[in-house]
Amino acid sequence: MRNENEVLNLFNLIVEKDDLIRLSVLEGSRTNENIPKDDFQDYDLTFFVTDMEFYKRDDDWLNKFGELPFLQKPEDMELYPSELGNWYSYLMYFKDGIKIDLTLVPLEEINLYFSESDGLVKLLIDKDNRISNKIVTSDERYWIKKPSEREFIDCCNEFWSVSTYVAKGLYRKEILYAIDHFNQILRPELLRMMSWEIGLRKGFNFSLGKNYKFIDQHISKEVFDRLLSTFSLVGYKETWQSFQICCDMFRQHSKKVAFELEFHYPDYDVVMTNYIRNIYGKIDQRE
């Protein structure tokens, strides 16, 4: 497997030899000093080019990056409509194990690119000195945000509203329906609330990582084990147990947040909990 210096040198060599590429940047986790380095981090790369169609005619030019056994072109797919507008991307897996996500951007859209950047950008080559201001790489956009009272209430409202979908899905023996609402909405709201509680304890000047992947570093092992137990969804009994744990955890963390920020804790927690218990009781009666 090529190391980072080898790969970055290759990027620069490709850009230097191609007059149509005027500027290149590296993005993502490899620019973030707060993310531990490992061999399997993607190389998120953007080329600003003067002729998009030249590169889109065929893919042979991608062989410059290495032996390429798998390629995905999201903007060339029918099942998943493009979301990049005039931009064009390549997700490339190479034989030696590295992955490069390359995006081509029309040179005239360089200002649009930087206005929408998440801050994790490192300038590699700027042939025409188009970037006059120093780029300071930062993950600040992903820091935990201190909630307003309305955001807190909205999170609580969404959690307890969707909790009934999970309960009714389990009652109706529609486990995939219940699990989908659990995974897609319920647990994410729990994680959001937990992140706010962490921010109140440790500050709002850091990120918990994509999908809260570093949350275990900021909570006790006991709490993390309880969180992990909410992923036990292999059957109806297990899903009910995980669901109850999720509701208990949400209640505990949201009450802490409400107390620290002097927010009103919603009374409908009791109402919705009784609603769920009623559904669970009907399951017991049926069985």
C-alpha atoms as a PDB file:
ATOM      1  CA  MET A   1       0.000   0.000   0.000  1.00  0.00           C
ATOM      2  CA  ARG A   2       1.335   3.431  -0.942  1.00  0.00           C
ATOM      3  CA  ASN A   3       1.940   5.783   1.954  1.00  0.00           C
ATOM      4  CA  GLU A   4       0.520   9.301   2.230  1.00  0.00           C
ATOM      5  CA  ASN A   5       3.626  11.048   0.917  1.00  0.00           C
ATOM      6  CA  GLU A   6       3.701   8.820  -2.157  1.00  0.00           C
ATOM      7  CA  VAL A   7       0.042   9.453  -2.894  1.00  0.00           C
ATOM      8  CA  LEU A   8       0.254  13.227  -2.409  1.00  0.00           C
ATOM      9  CA  ASN A   9       3.362  13.375  -4.603  1.00  0.00           C
ATOM     10  CA  LEU A  10       1.451  11.471  -7.276  1.00  0.00           C
ATOM     11  CA  PHE A  11      -1.434  13.960  -7.067  1.00  0.00           C
ATOM     12  CA  ASN A  12       0.959  16.857  -7.513  1.00  0.00           C
ATOM     13  CA  LEU A  13       2.723  15.165 -10.427  1.00  0.00           C
ATOM     14  CA  ILE A  14      -0.577  14.569 -12.227  1.00  0.00           C
ATOM     15  CA  VAL A  15      -1.640  18.187 -11.727  1.00  0.00           C
ATOM     16  CA  GLU A  16       1.704  19.645 -12.795  1.00  0.00           C
ATOM     17  CA  LYS A  17       1.647  17.690 -16.056  1.00  0.00           C
ATOM     18  CA  ASP A  18      -1.955  18.577 -16.958  1.00  0.00           C
ATOM     19  CA  ASP A  19      -2.592  22.133 -18.178  1.00  0.00           C
ATOM     20  CA  LEU A  20      -6.358  21.706 -17.835  1.00  0.00           C
ATOM     21  CA  ILE A  21      -6.069  21.317 -14.059  1.00  0.00           C
ATOM     22  CA  ARG A  22      -5.377  24.747 -12.556  1.00  0.00           C
ATOM     23  CA  LEU A  23      -5.812  24.127  -8.862  1.00  0.00           C
ATOM     24  CA  SER A  24      -6.060  21.131  -6.515  1.00  0.00           C
ATOM     25  CA  VAL A  25      -7.058  20.677  -2.884  1.00  0.00           C
ATOM     26  CA  LEU A  26      -7.164  17.859  -0.355  1.00  0.00           C
ATOM     27  CA  GLU A  27     -10.233  17.600   1.871  1.00  0.00           C
ATOM     28  CA  GLY A  28     -11.757  15.534   4.646  1.00  0.00           C
ATOM     29  CA  SER A  29     -10.224  13.517   7.448  1.00  0.00           C
ATOM     30  CA  ARG A  30      -6.661  13.624   6.097  1.00  0.00           C
ATOM     31  CA  THR A  31      -6.674  17.387   6.639  1.00  0.00           C
ATOM     32  CA  ASN A  32      -8.139  17.154  10.154  1.00  0.00           C
ATOM     33  CA  GLU A  33      -5.473  17.098  12.858  1.00  0.00           C
ATOM     34  CA  ASN A  34      -8.066  15.895  15.373  1.00  0.00           C
ATOM     35  CA  ILE A  35      -8.610  12.609  13.536  1.00  0.00           C
ATOM     36  CA  PRO A  36      -6.135   9.761  14.204  1.00  0.00           C
ATOM     37  CA  LYS A  37      -4.257   8.775  11.062  1.00  0.00           C
ATOM     38  CA  ASP A  38      -4.582   5.300   9.577  1.00  0.00           C
ATOM     39  CA  ASP A  39      -3.846   3.593   6.273  1.00  0.00           C
ATOM     40  CA  PHE A  40      -7.492   3.302   5.260  1.00  0.00           C
ATOM     41  CA  GLN A  41      -8.491   6.949   5.375  1.00  0.00           C
ATOM     42  CA  ASP A  42      -9.863   8.097   2.031  1.00  0.00           C
ATOM     43  CA  TYR A  43      -8.017  10.661  -0.035  1.00  0.00           C
ATOM     44  CA  ASP A  44     -10.681  13.296  -0.750  1.00  0.00           C
ATOM     45  CA  LEU A  45      -9.348  15.301  -3.663  1.00  0.00           C
ATOM     46  CA  THR A  46     -10.731  18.097  -5.846  1.00  0.00           C
ATOM     47  CA  PHE A  47      -9.368  19.303  -9.180  1.00  0.00           C
ATOM     48  CA  PHE A  48     -10.498  22.650 -10.621  1.00  0.00           C
ATOM     49  CA  VAL A  49     -10.420  22.252 -14.397  1.00  0.00           C
ATOM     50  CA  THR A  50     -10.957  24.338 -17.524  1.00  0.00           C
ATOM     51  CA  ASP A  51     -12.654  21.588 -19.576  1.00  0.00           C
ATOM     52  CA  MET A  52     -14.978  19.194 -17.769  1.00  0.00           C
ATOM     53  CA  GLU A  53     -16.047  17.324 -20.902  1.00  0.00           C
ATOM     54  CA  PHE A  54     -12.483  16.344 -21.730  1.00  0.00           C
ATOM     55  CA  TYR A  55     -12.318  14.170 -18.607  1.00  0.00           C
ATOM     56  CA  LYS A  56     -15.848  12.812 -18.896  1.00  0.00           C
ATOM     57  CA  ARG A  57     -15.338  11.388 -22.403  1.00  0.00           C
ATOM     58  CA  ASP A  58     -13.635   8.261 -21.068  1.00  0.00           C
ATOM     59  CA  ASP A  59     -12.046   7.001 -17.883  1.00  0.00           C
ATOM     60  CA  ASP A  60      -8.638   5.958 -19.212  1.00  0.00           C
ATOM     61  CA  TRP A  61      -6.950   9.004 -17.674  1.00  0.00           C
ATOM     62  CA  LEU A  62      -7.784   7.677 -14.210  1.00  0.00           C
ATOM     63  CA  ASN A  63      -5.168   4.949 -14.689  1.00  0.00           C
ATOM     64  CA  LYS A  64      -2.586   7.601 -13.816  1.00  0.00           C
ATOM     65  CA  PHE A  65      -3.606   7.107 -10.191  1.00  0.00           C
ATOM     66  CA  GLY A  66      -2.863   3.370 -10.190  1.00  0.00           C
ATOM     67  CA  GLU A  67      -4.412  -0.001 -10.971  1.00  0.00           C
ATOM     68  CA  LEU A  68      -8.148   0.545 -10.589  1.00  0.00           C
ATOM     69  CA  PRO A  69     -10.324  -2.584 -10.071  1.00  0.00           C
ATOM     70  CA  PHE A  70     -13.441  -0.696  -8.927  1.00  0.00           C
ATOM     71  CA  LEU A  71     -14.911   2.656  -9.902  1.00  0.00           C
ATOM     72  CA  GLN A  72     -18.156   4.429  -9.069  1.00  0.00           C
ATOM     73  CA  LYS A  73     -19.310   7.590 -10.824  1.00  0.00           C
ATOM     74  CA  PRO A  74     -22.262   8.956  -8.803  1.00  0.00           C
ATOM     75  CA  GLU A  75     -23.141  11.630 -11.380  1.00  0.00           C
ATOM     76  CA  ASP A  76     -23.413   8.947 -14.072  1.00  0.00           C
ATOM     77  CA  MET A  77     -25.943   6.803 -12.198  1.00  0.00           C
ATOM     78  CA  GLU A  78     -29.664   6.518 -12.934  1.00  0.00           C
ATOM     79  CA  LEU A  79     -30.856   4.994  -9.669  1.00  0.00           C
ATOM     80  CA  TYR A  80     -29.243   7.738  -7.555  1.00  0.00           C
ATOM     81  CA  PRO A  81     -29.766  11.189  -9.131  1.00  0.00           C
ATOM     82  CA  SER A  82     -26.851  13.622  -9.127  1.00  0.00           C
ATOM     83  CA  GLU A  83     -26.631  16.205  -6.351  1.00  0.00           C
ATOM     84  CA  LEU A  84     -23.452  17.983  -7.436  1.00  0.00           C
ATOM     85  CA  GLY A  85     -24.790  20.197 -10.212  1.00  0.00           C
ATOM     86  CA  ASN A  86     -21.969  20.868 -12.683  1.00  0.00           C
ATOM     87  CA  TRP A  87     -19.432  18.981 -10.605  1.00  0.00           C
ATOM     88  CA  TYR A  88     -18.415  15.392 -11.340  1.00  0.00           C
ATOM     89  CA  SER A  89     -16.998  12.779  -8.984  1.00  0.00           C
ATOM     90  CA  TYR A  90     -15.164   9.463  -9.042  1.00  0.00           C
ATOM     91  CA  LEU A  91     -15.009   7.021  -6.130  1.00  0.00           C
ATOM     92  CA  MET A  92     -11.960   4.875  -6.820  1.00  0.00           C
ATOM     93  CA  TYR A  93     -10.687   1.756  -5.067  1.00  0.00           C
ATOM     94  CA  PHE A  94      -7.160   0.775  -6.039  1.00  0.00           C
ATOM     95  CA  LYS A  95      -5.486  -2.622  -6.024  1.00  0.00           C
ATOM     96  CA  ASP A  96      -3.042  -1.636  -3.277  1.00  0.00           C
ATOM     97  CA  GLY A  97      -5.914  -0.799  -0.895  1.00  0.00           C
ATOM     98  CA  ILE A  98      -6.106   2.987  -1.083  1.00  0.00           C
ATOM     99  CA  LYS A  99      -9.335   4.819  -1.913  1.00  0.00           C
ATOM    100  CA  ILE A 100      -9.484   8.160  -3.691  1.00  0.00           C
ATOM    101  CA  ASP A 101     -12.650  10.251  -3.913  1.00  0.00           C
ATOM    102  CA  LEU A 102     -11.951  12.701  -6.709  1.00  0.00           C
ATOM    103  CA  THR A 103     -14.237  15.593  -7.630  1.00  0.00           C
ATOM    104  CA  LEU A 104     -13.872  17.721 -10.742  1.00  0.00           C
ATOM    105  CA  VAL A 105     -15.116  21.301 -10.421  1.00  0.00           C
ATOM    106  CA  PRO A 106     -15.334  23.837 -13.276  1.00  0.00           C
ATOM    107  CA  LEU A 107     -12.705  26.487 -12.669  1.00  0.00           C
ATOM    108  CA  GLU A 108     -15.309  29.257 -12.861  1.00  0.00           C
ATOM    109  CA  GLU A 109     -17.077  27.766  -9.817  1.00  0.00           C
ATOM    110  CA  ILE A 110     -14.089  28.067  -7.519  1.00  0.00           C
ATOM    111  CA  ASN A 111     -15.762  30.779  -5.409  1.00  0.00           C
ATOM    112  CA  LEU A 112     -18.880  28.644  -5.037  1.00  0.00           C
ATOM    113  CA  TYR A 113     -16.745  25.728  -3.894  1.00  0.00           C
ATOM    114  CA  PHE A 114     -15.008  27.677  -1.148  1.00  0.00           C
ATOM    115  CA  SER A 115     -18.228  29.366  -0.024  1.00  0.00           C
ATOM    116  CA  GLU A 116     -19.740  25.915   0.559  1.00  0.00           C
ATOM    117  CA  SER A 117     -16.599  24.315   2.000  1.00  0.00           C
ATOM    118  CA  ASP A 118     -16.825  22.696   5.424  1.00  0.00           C
ATOM    119  CA  GLY A 119     -13.418  24.121   6.361  1.00  0.00           C
ATOM    120  CA  LEU A 120     -11.491  20.866   6.051  1.00  0.00           C
ATOM    121  CA  VAL A 121      -9.464  21.934   3.013  1.00  0.00           C
ATOM    122  CA  LYS A 122      -5.738  21.950   2.323  1.00  0.00           C
ATOM    123  CA  LEU A 123      -4.378  23.694  -0.762  1.00  0.00           C
ATOM    124  CA  LEU A 124      -2.057  21.469  -2.801  1.00  0.00           C
ATOM    125  CA  ILE A 125      -1.342  23.348  -6.039  1.00  0.00           C
ATOM    126  CA  ASP A 126      -2.510  26.773  -7.237  1.00  0.00           C
ATOM    127  CA  LYS A 127      -0.954  27.377 -10.656  1.00  0.00           C
ATOM    128  CA  ASP A 128      -2.481  30.818 -11.195  1.00  0.00           C
ATOM    129  CA  ASN A 129      -2.310  32.157  -7.623  1.00  0.00           C
ATOM    130  CA  ARG A 130      -6.080  32.362  -7.442  1.00  0.00           C
ATOM    131  CA  ILE A 131      -6.207  31.841  -3.680  1.00  0.00           C
ATOM    132  CA  SER A 132      -5.052  35.081  -2.074  1.00  0.00           C
ATOM    133  CA  ASN A 133      -6.187  34.420   1.496  1.00  0.00           C
ATOM    134  CA  LYS A 134      -4.502  31.804   3.636  1.00  0.00           C
ATOM    135  CA  ILE A 135      -6.623  28.691   4.086  1.00  0.00           C
ATOM    136  CA  VAL A 136      -6.879  27.677   7.740  1.00  0.00           C
ATOM    137  CA  THR A 137      -8.058  24.096   8.035  1.00  0.00           C
ATOM    138  CA  SER A 138     -10.682  23.667  10.752  1.00  0.00           C
ATOM    139  CA  ASP A 139     -13.398  21.210  11.765  1.00  0.00           C
ATOM    140  CA  GLU A 140     -15.356  23.946  13.567  1.00  0.00           C
ATOM    141  CA  ARG A 141     -18.425  23.346  11.402  1.00  0.00           C
ATOM    142  CA  TYR A 142     -18.749  19.933  13.047  1.00  0.00           C
ATOM    143  CA  TRP A 143     -18.357  21.075  16.648  1.00  0.00           C
ATOM    144  CA  ILE A 144     -21.156  20.312  19.072  1.00  0.00           C
ATOM    145  CA  LYS A 145     -23.648  23.188  18.965  1.00  0.00           C
ATOM    146  CA  LYS A 146     -25.207  24.520  22.147  1.00  0.00           C
ATOM    147  CA  PRO A 147     -28.976  24.164  21.693  1.00  0.00           C
ATOM    148  CA  SER A 148     -31.529  26.902  21.939  1.00  0.00           C
ATOM    149  CA  GLU A 149     -34.614  26.106  23.997  1.00  0.00           C
ATOM    150  CA  ARG A 150     -36.610  25.670  20.791  1.00  0.00           C
ATOM    151  CA  GLU A 151     -34.063  23.178  19.433  1.00  0.00           C
ATOM    152  CA  PHE A 152     -34.184  21.277  22.708  1.00  0.00           C
ATOM    153  CA  ILE A 153     -37.990  21.121  22.618  1.00  0.00           C
ATOM    154  CA  ASP A 154     -37.960  20.081  18.950  1.00  0.00           C
ATOM    155  CA  CYS A 155     -35.591  17.212  19.726  1.00  0.00           C
ATOM    156  CA  CYS A 156     -37.805  16.018  22.583  1.00  0.00           C
ATOM    157  CA  ASN A 157     -40.931  16.373  20.484  1.00  0.00           C
ATOM    158  CA  GLU A 158     -39.501  14.384  17.586  1.00  0.00           C
ATOM    159  CA  PHE A 159     -38.213  11.628  19.850  1.00  0.00           C
ATOM    160  CA  TRP A 160     -41.471  11.059  21.693  1.00  0.00           C
ATOM    161  CA  SER A 161     -43.552  11.390  18.547  1.00  0.00           C
ATOM    162  CA  VAL A 162     -41.558   8.746  16.676  1.00  0.00           C
ATOM    163  CA  SER A 163     -41.421   6.491  19.736  1.00  0.00           C
ATOM    164  CA  THR A 164     -45.066   5.645  19.081  1.00  0.00           C
ATOM    165  CA  TYR A 165     -44.218   4.485  15.554  1.00  0.00           C
ATOM    166  CA  VAL A 166     -41.714   2.026  16.988  1.00  0.00           C
ATOM    167  CA  ALA A 167     -44.194   0.772  19.577  1.00  0.00           C
ATOM    168  CA  LYS A 168     -47.032   0.364  17.061  1.00  0.00           C
ATOM    169  CA  GLY A 169     -44.724  -1.353  14.592  1.00  0.00           C
ATOM    170  CA  LEU A 170     -43.765  -3.915  17.222  1.00  0.00           C
ATOM    171  CA  TYR A 171     -47.404  -4.380  18.239  1.00  0.00           C
ATOM    172  CA  ARG A 172     -48.391  -5.052  14.620  1.00  0.00           C
ATOM    173  CA  LYS A 173     -45.494  -7.489  14.118  1.00  0.00           C
ATOM    174  CA  GLU A 174     -43.946  -5.109  11.587  1.00  0.00           C
ATOM    175  CA  ILE A 175     -40.423  -5.368  12.926  1.00  0.00           C
ATOM    176  CA  LEU A 176     -38.650  -3.871   9.896  1.00  0.00           C
ATOM    177  CA  TYR A 177     -40.910  -0.815  10.097  1.00  0.00           C
ATOM    178  CA  ALA A 178     -40.198  -0.467  13.820  1.00  0.00           C
ATOM    179  CA  ILE A 179     -36.447  -0.972  13.434  1.00  0.00           C
ATOM    180  CA  ASP A 180     -36.234   1.537  10.600  1.00  0.00           C
ATOM    181  CA  HIS A 181     -37.838   4.274  12.715  1.00  0.00           C
ATOM    182  CA  PHE A 182     -35.643   3.262  15.640  1.00  0.00           C
ATOM    183  CA  ASN A 183     -32.419   3.441  13.626  1.00  0.00           C
ATOM    184  CA  GLN A 184     -33.222   6.375  11.367  1.00  0.00           C
ATOM    185  CA  ILE A 185     -34.880   8.768  13.824  1.00  0.00           C
ATOM    186  CA  LEU A 186     -35.127   7.628  17.437  1.00  0.00           C
ATOM    187  CA  ARG A 187     -31.506   6.780  18.205  1.00  0.00           C
ATOM    188  CA  PRO A 188     -30.145   9.786  16.249  1.00  0.00           C
ATOM    189  CA  GLU A 189     -32.246  12.059  18.482  1.00  0.00           C
ATOM    190  CA  LEU A 190     -30.874  10.278  21.544  1.00  0.00           C
ATOM    191  CA  LEU A 191     -27.332  10.819  20.254  1.00  0.00           C
ATOM    192  CA  ARG A 192     -28.085  14.475  19.578  1.00  0.00           C
ATOM    193  CA  MET A 193     -29.308  14.925  23.149  1.00  0.00           C
ATOM    194  CA  MET A 194     -26.287  13.071  24.515  1.00  0.00           C
ATOM    195  CA  SER A 195     -23.973  15.330  22.508  1.00  0.00           C
ATOM    196  CA  TRP A 196     -25.586  18.410  24.071  1.00  0.00           C
ATOM    197  CA  GLU A 197     -25.102  16.948  27.540  1.00  0.00           C
ATOM    198  CA  ILE A 198     -21.447  16.270  26.714  1.00  0.00           C
ATOM    199  CA  GLY A 199     -21.050  19.831  25.442  1.00  0.00           C
ATOM    200  CA  LEU A 200     -22.429  21.200  28.686  1.00  0.00           C
ATOM    201  CA  ARG A 201     -19.865  19.180  30.625  1.00  0.00           C
ATOM    202  CA  LYS A 202     -16.839  19.649  28.379  1.00  0.00           C
ATOM    203  CA  GLY A 203     -17.505  22.664  26.193  1.00  0.00           C
ATOM    204  CA  PHE A 204     -18.768  23.255  22.685  1.00  0.00           C
ATOM    205  CA  ASN A 205     -15.399  23.572  20.975  1.00  0.00           C
ATOM    206  CA  PHE A 206     -14.865  20.085  19.586  1.00  0.00           C
ATOM    207  CA  SER A 207     -16.472  17.442  17.397  1.00  0.00           C
ATOM    208  CA  LEU A 208     -17.696  13.983  18.302  1.00  0.00           C
ATOM    209  CA  GLY A 209     -16.862  12.818  14.782  1.00  0.00           C
ATOM    210  CA  LYS A 210     -18.991  11.546  11.947  1.00  0.00           C
ATOM    211  CA  ASN A 211     -21.879   9.426  13.256  1.00  0.00           C
ATOM    212  CA  TYR A 212     -20.766  10.316  16.818  1.00  0.00           C
ATOM    213  CA  LYS A 213     -17.903   7.822  16.444  1.00  0.00           C
ATOM    214  CA  PHE A 214     -15.875   9.392  19.273  1.00  0.00           C
ATOM    215  CA  ILE A 215     -18.728   9.632  21.762  1.00  0.00           C
ATOM    216  CA  ASP A 216     -17.302   6.763  23.840  1.00  0.00           C
ATOM    217  CA  GLN A 217     -14.354   9.003  24.739  1.00  0.00           C
ATOM    218  CA  HIS A 218     -16.664  11.416  26.561  1.00  0.00           C
ATOM    219  CA  ILE A 219     -19.045   9.151  28.487  1.00  0.00           C
ATOM    220  CA  SER A 220     -18.567   6.385  31.038  1.00  0.00           C
ATOM    221  CA  LYS A 221     -18.186   2.768  29.965  1.00  0.00           C
ATOM    222  CA  GLU A 222     -21.492   2.003  31.658  1.00  0.00           C
ATOM    223  CA  VAL A 223     -23.332   4.629  29.610  1.00  0.00           C
ATOM    224  CA  PHE A 224     -21.611   3.549  26.403  1.00  0.00           C
ATOM    225  CA  ASP A 225     -22.517  -0.094  27.042  1.00  0.00           C
ATOM    226  CA  ARG A 226     -26.153   0.937  27.516  1.00  0.00           C
ATOM    227  CA  LEU A 227     -26.019   2.872  24.259  1.00  0.00           C
ATOM    228  CA  LEU A 228     -24.583  -0.151  22.452  1.00  0.00           C
ATOM    229  CA  SER A 229     -27.348  -2.328  23.881  1.00  0.00           C
ATOM    230  CA  THR A 230     -29.895  -0.275  21.920  1.00  0.00           C
ATOM    231  CA  PHE A 231     -28.468  -1.870  18.763  1.00  0.00           C
ATOM    232  CA  SER A 232     -29.702  -5.319  19.819  1.00  0.00           C
ATOM    233  CA  LEU A 233     -32.629  -5.663  17.410  1.00  0.00           C
ATOM    234  CA  VAL A 234     -32.570  -9.323  16.364  1.00  0.00           C
ATOM    235  CA  GLY A 235     -36.157 -10.085  17.423  1.00  0.00           C
ATOM    236  CA  TYR A 236     -39.312  -8.590  18.921  1.00  0.00           C
ATOM    237  CA  LYS A 237     -38.301  -9.194  22.541  1.00  0.00           C
ATOM    238  CA  GLU A 238     -34.828  -7.759  22.030  1.00  0.00           C
ATOM    239  CA  THR A 239     -36.163  -4.760  20.127  1.00  0.00           C
ATOM    240  CA  TRP A 240     -38.658  -3.948  22.879  1.00  0.00           C
ATOM    241  CA  GLN A 241     -35.885  -4.105  25.466  1.00  0.00           C
ATOM    242  CA  SER A 242     -33.617  -1.892  23.359  1.00  0.00           C
ATOM    243  CA  PHE A 243     -36.481   0.512  22.767  1.00  0.00           C
ATOM    244  CA  GLN A 244     -37.148   0.822  26.508  1.00  0.00           C
ATOM    245  CA  ILE A 245     -33.451   1.445  27.200  1.00  0.00           C
ATOM    246  CA  CYS A 246     -33.386   4.109  24.489  1.00  0.00           C
ATOM    247  CA  CYS A 247     -36.393   5.884  26.016  1.00  0.00           C
ATOM    248  CA  ASP A 248     -34.863   5.722  29.498  1.00  0.00           C
ATOM    249  CA  MET A 249     -31.551   7.116  28.255  1.00  0.00           C
ATOM    250  CA  PHE A 250     -33.249   9.913  26.353  1.00  0.00           C
ATOM    251  CA  ARG A 251     -35.223  10.887  29.440  1.00  0.00           C
ATOM    252  CA  GLN A 252     -32.116  10.902  31.640  1.00  0.00           C
ATOM    253  CA  HIS A 253     -29.995  12.976  29.281  1.00  0.00           C
ATOM    254  CA  SER A 254     -32.730  15.403  28.281  1.00  0.00           C
ATOM    255  CA  LYS A 255     -33.532  16.111  31.932  1.00  0.00           C
ATOM    256  CA  LYS A 256     -29.853  16.870  32.551  1.00  0.00           C
ATOM    257  CA  VAL A 257     -29.769  19.265  29.599  1.00  0.00           C
ATOM    258  CA  ALA A 258     -33.001  20.941  30.694  1.00  0.00           C
ATOM    259  CA  PHE A 259     -31.670  21.388  34.220  1.00  0.00           C
ATOM    260  CA  GLU A 260     -28.298  22.827  33.160  1.00  0.00           C
ATOM    261  CA  LEU A 261     -29.820  25.259  30.653  1.00  0.00           C
ATOM    262  CA  GLU A 262     -32.900  26.038  32.760  1.00  0.00           C
ATOM    263  CA  PHE A 263     -35.213  24.842  29.998  1.00  0.00           C
ATOM    264  CA  HIS A 264     -38.736  23.586  30.590  1.00  0.00           C
ATOM    265  CA  TYR A 265     -38.816  19.798  30.393  1.00  0.00           C
ATOM    266  CA  PRO A 266     -41.887  18.742  28.378  1.00  0.00           C
ATOM    267  CA  ASP A 267     -44.750  17.215  30.337  1.00  0.00           C
ATOM    268  CA  TYR A 268     -45.707  14.929  27.469  1.00  0.00           C
ATOM    269  CA  ASP A 269     -42.908  12.521  28.401  1.00  0.00           C
ATOM    270  CA  VAL A 270     -45.307  11.013  30.961  1.00  0.00           C
ATOM    271  CA  VAL A 271     -48.218  10.984  28.510  1.00  0.00           C
ATOM    272  CA  MET A 272     -46.264   9.319  25.715  1.00  0.00           C
ATOM    273  CA  THR A 273     -44.619   6.826  28.075  1.00  0.00           C
ATOM    274  CA  ASN A 274     -48.071   5.744  29.292  1.00  0.00           C
ATOM    275  CA  TYR A 275     -49.210   5.493  25.666  1.00  0.00           C
ATOM    276  CA  ILE A 276     -46.294   3.152  24.907  1.00  0.00           C
ATOM    277  CA  ARG A 277     -46.926   1.102  28.054  1.00  0.00           C
ATOM    278  CA  ASN A 278     -50.542   0.678  26.991  1.00  0.00           C
ATOM    279  CA  ILE A 279     -49.422  -0.721  23.641  1.00  0.00           C
ATOM    280  CA  TYR A 280     -46.979  -3.061  25.387  1.00  0.00           C
ATOM    281  CA  GLY A 281     -49.766  -4.187  27.718  1.00  0.00           C
ATOM    282  CA  LYS A 282     -51.957  -5.125  24.759  1.00  0.00           C
ATOM    283  CA  ILE A 283     -49.137  -7.290  23.424  1.00  0.00           C
ATOM    284  CA  ASP A 284     -48.981  -9.141  26.756  1.00  0.00           C
ATOM    285  CA  GLN A 285     -52.759  -9.658  26.675  1.00  0.00           C
ATOM    286  CA  ARG A 286     -52.634 -10.946  23.102  1.00  0.00           C
ATOM    287  CA  GLU A 287     -49.872 -13.420  23.862  1.00  0.00           C
END
